[in-house]
Amino acid sequence: MAQIFMRVEEVAEELGVSIPYAYKLIKRLNDELAATGCITIAGRIDRKFFHEKFYGTRGEKNGSVQG
């Protein structure tokens, strides 16, 4: 079962960006979530929200992104 949150290392690897840039992306996404009243965790992002924002999907099935 996949973890609910992605850590910064996973975000950096998936997007092919540096760790510092991944932190900036996560902060931006977390700021967007916080504006809707969600509680966020620094350095982590909700997996479903991440995939929705970057790939236009709501989740994963069998480890592959559905689109």
C-alpha atoms as a PDB file:
ATOM      1  CA  MET A   1       0.000   0.000   0.000  1.00  0.00           C
ATOM      2  CA  ALA A   2       1.336   3.415  -0.964  1.00  0.00           C
ATOM      3  CA  GLN A   3       2.025   6.023   1.689  1.00  0.00           C
ATOM      4  CA  ILE A   4      -0.444   8.922   1.861  1.00  0.00           C
ATOM      5  CA  PHE A   5       2.341  11.521   1.773  1.00  0.00           C
ATOM      6  CA  MET A   6       5.292  11.898  -0.552  1.00  0.00           C
ATOM      7  CA  ARG A   7       8.564  13.045   0.988  1.00  0.00           C
ATOM      8  CA  VAL A   8      10.809  15.590  -0.669  1.00  0.00           C
ATOM      9  CA  GLU A   9      13.232  12.940  -1.968  1.00  0.00           C
ATOM     10  CA  GLU A  10      10.431  11.139  -3.782  1.00  0.00           C
ATOM     11  CA  VAL A  11       9.111  14.371  -5.310  1.00  0.00           C
ATOM     12  CA  ALA A  12      12.615  15.315  -6.499  1.00  0.00           C
ATOM     13  CA  GLU A  13      13.168  11.888  -8.040  1.00  0.00           C
ATOM     14  CA  GLU A  14       9.774  11.721  -9.745  1.00  0.00           C
ATOM     15  CA  LEU A  15      10.123  15.178 -11.282  1.00  0.00           C
ATOM     16  CA  GLY A  16      13.871  14.999 -11.947  1.00  0.00           C
ATOM     17  CA  VAL A  17      14.606  18.137  -9.942  1.00  0.00           C
ATOM     18  CA  SER A  18      16.952  19.019  -7.079  1.00  0.00           C
ATOM     19  CA  ILE A  19      16.005  18.528  -3.430  1.00  0.00           C
ATOM     20  CA  PRO A  20      15.930  22.324  -2.758  1.00  0.00           C
ATOM     21  CA  TYR A  21      13.627  22.866  -5.737  1.00  0.00           C
ATOM     22  CA  ALA A  22      11.389  19.998  -4.613  1.00  0.00           C
ATOM     23  CA  TYR A  23      11.077  21.739  -1.222  1.00  0.00           C
ATOM     24  CA  LYS A  24       9.943  24.916  -3.014  1.00  0.00           C
ATOM     25  CA  LEU A  25       7.349  22.981  -5.011  1.00  0.00           C
ATOM     26  CA  ILE A  26       6.047  21.214  -1.913  1.00  0.00           C
ATOM     27  CA  LYS A  27       5.790  24.528  -0.046  1.00  0.00           C
ATOM     28  CA  ARG A  28       3.818  26.036  -2.930  1.00  0.00           C
ATOM     29  CA  LEU A  29       1.448  23.070  -3.047  1.00  0.00           C
ATOM     30  CA  ASN A  30       1.088  23.034   0.746  1.00  0.00           C
ATOM     31  CA  ASP A  31       0.292  26.763   0.733  1.00  0.00           C
ATOM     32  CA  GLU A  32      -2.483  26.040  -1.766  1.00  0.00           C
ATOM     33  CA  LEU A  33      -3.843  23.240   0.435  1.00  0.00           C
ATOM     34  CA  ALA A  34      -3.603  25.385   3.578  1.00  0.00           C
ATOM     35  CA  ALA A  35      -5.669  28.105   1.886  1.00  0.00           C
ATOM     36  CA  THR A  36      -8.529  25.575   1.630  1.00  0.00           C
ATOM     37  CA  GLY A  37      -8.310  24.817   5.347  1.00  0.00           C
ATOM     38  CA  CYS A  38      -6.258  21.620   5.113  1.00  0.00           C
ATOM     39  CA  ILE A  39      -3.528  20.854   7.628  1.00  0.00           C
ATOM     40  CA  THR A  40      -0.155  20.372   5.953  1.00  0.00           C
ATOM     41  CA  ILE A  41       3.219  18.919   6.943  1.00  0.00           C
ATOM     42  CA  ALA A  42       6.402  20.726   5.916  1.00  0.00           C
ATOM     43  CA  GLY A  43       8.496  18.706   3.468  1.00  0.00           C
ATOM     44  CA  ARG A  44       5.631  16.342   2.602  1.00  0.00           C
ATOM     45  CA  ILE A  45       2.751  16.544   0.160  1.00  0.00           C
ATOM     46  CA  ASP A  46      -0.430  14.531  -0.197  1.00  0.00           C
ATOM     47  CA  ARG A  47       0.210  11.961  -2.942  1.00  0.00           C
ATOM     48  CA  LYS A  48      -3.208  12.301  -4.595  1.00  0.00           C
ATOM     49  CA  PHE A  49      -3.024  16.103  -4.613  1.00  0.00           C
ATOM     50  CA  PHE A  50       0.495  15.968  -6.091  1.00  0.00           C
ATOM     51  CA  HIS A  51      -0.599  13.683  -8.937  1.00  0.00           C
ATOM     52  CA  GLU A  52      -3.706  15.762  -9.574  1.00  0.00           C
ATOM     53  CA  LYS A  53      -1.675  18.963  -9.859  1.00  0.00           C
ATOM     54  CA  PHE A  54       1.152  17.547 -11.993  1.00  0.00           C
ATOM     55  CA  TYR A  55      -0.604  14.914 -14.068  1.00  0.00           C
ATOM     56  CA  GLY A  56      -4.289  15.857 -13.899  1.00  0.00           C
ATOM     57  CA  THR A  57      -5.176  12.612 -12.128  1.00  0.00           C
ATOM     58  CA  ARG A  58      -6.716  11.839  -8.776  1.00  0.00           C
ATOM     59  CA  GLY A  59      -4.734   8.746  -7.839  1.00  0.00           C
ATOM     60  CA  GLU A  60      -2.684   5.730  -8.745  1.00  0.00           C
ATOM     61  CA  LYS A  61      -3.648   2.165  -9.538  1.00  0.00           C
ATOM     62  CA  ASN A  62      -1.173  -0.714  -9.426  1.00  0.00           C
ATOM     63  CA  GLY A  63       1.733   1.713  -9.130  1.00  0.00           C
ATOM     64  CA  SER A  64       1.082   3.511 -12.413  1.00  0.00           C
ATOM     65  CA  VAL A  65      -0.485   6.914 -12.833  1.00  0.00           C
ATOM     66  CA  GLN A  66      -3.884   6.827 -14.483  1.00  0.00           C
ATOM     67  CA  GLY A  67      -4.601   9.520 -17.045  1.00  0.00           C
END
